[in-house]
Amino acid sequence: MAAFDTTRTTYGVASFASRFVAFVADKAAALIAWNEARITRDVLASLTDRELSDIGLERGDIDAIARSTFIR
């Protein structure tokens, strides 16, 4: 009696699919991070100098805060 294994995928297909999904996920994460930084920058830029000083920031800190990876 002869038998053969049909449970394995074709060589390279699974790794290509996982790399492609990871690539798309990385691009989506980068787009989301860019949009969050843009929103943060816009909101902080709309504050007055007095409001910024109340939260311990200066106008020059806005870009660094928007680019930071701290939890917002």
Protein backbone atom coordinates (compact mmCIF):
# COMPACT_ATOMS: atom_id res chain seq x y z
CA MET A 1 0.00 0.00 0.00
CA ALA A 2 1.46 3.38 -0.99
CA ALA A 3 0.76 6.69 0.73
CA PHE A 4 2.02 10.20 0.29
CA ASP A 5 1.93 13.28 2.48
CA THR A 6 -0.46 16.02 1.35
CA THR A 7 -0.25 18.21 4.46
CA ARG A 8 2.83 20.21 3.48
CA THR A 9 2.52 23.42 1.52
CA THR A 10 4.43 24.06 -1.65
CA TYR A 11 7.98 25.14 -0.93
CA GLY A 12 8.30 28.91 -0.47
CA VAL A 13 4.61 29.78 -0.65
CA ALA A 14 4.03 30.07 3.11
CA SER A 15 7.17 32.08 3.68
CA PHE A 16 6.36 34.46 0.82
CA ALA A 17 2.80 34.93 2.10
CA SER A 18 3.98 35.62 5.64
CA ARG A 19 6.64 38.07 4.40
CA PHE A 20 4.05 39.86 2.28
CA VAL A 21 1.59 40.12 5.18
CA ALA A 22 4.38 41.38 7.46
CA PHE A 23 5.36 43.97 4.82
CA VAL A 24 1.79 45.24 4.54
CA ALA A 25 1.40 45.29 8.33
CA ASP A 26 4.64 47.29 8.69
CA LYS A 27 3.46 49.84 6.12
CA ALA A 28 0.09 50.14 7.84
CA ALA A 29 1.77 50.65 11.23
CA ALA A 30 4.03 53.32 9.74
CA LEU A 31 1.02 55.10 8.25
CA ILE A 32 -0.84 55.00 11.57
CA ALA A 33 2.22 56.30 13.47
CA TRP A 34 2.64 59.14 10.94
CA ASN A 35 -1.02 60.12 11.27
CA GLU A 36 -0.89 60.09 15.08
CA ALA A 37 2.24 62.25 15.03
CA ARG A 38 0.54 64.67 12.62
CA ILE A 39 -2.53 64.95 14.84
CA THR A 40 -0.39 65.43 17.97
CA ARG A 41 1.69 68.10 16.24
CA ASP A 42 -1.43 69.95 15.06
CA VAL A 43 -3.06 69.90 18.49
CA LEU A 44 0.06 71.07 20.30
CA ALA A 45 0.69 73.78 17.69
CA SER A 46 -2.82 75.12 18.24
CA LEU A 47 -2.11 75.75 21.95
CA THR A 48 -0.94 79.15 23.11
CA ASP A 49 2.51 79.65 24.66
CA ARG A 50 0.84 79.98 28.05
CA GLU A 51 -1.00 76.67 27.66
CA LEU A 52 2.19 74.95 26.53
CA SER A 53 4.10 76.29 29.53
CA ASP A 54 1.31 75.04 31.81
CA ILE A 55 2.02 71.49 30.66
CA GLY A 56 5.78 71.98 30.78
CA LEU A 57 6.49 72.39 27.08
CA GLU A 58 7.90 75.02 24.81
CA ARG A 59 7.04 75.59 21.19
CA GLY A 60 10.36 74.02 20.15
CA ASP A 61 9.44 70.75 21.89
CA ILE A 62 6.44 70.05 19.68
CA ASP A 63 8.24 68.09 16.94
CA ALA A 64 10.16 65.96 19.45
CA ILE A 65 6.97 65.15 21.35
CA ALA A 66 5.08 64.29 18.15
CA ARG A 67 7.86 61.93 17.02
CA SER A 68 8.29 60.26 20.40
CA THR A 69 7.13 56.74 21.10
CA PHE A 70 5.69 57.55 24.51
CA ILE A 71 2.15 56.41 25.12
CA ARG A 72 -0.17 59.28 24.40
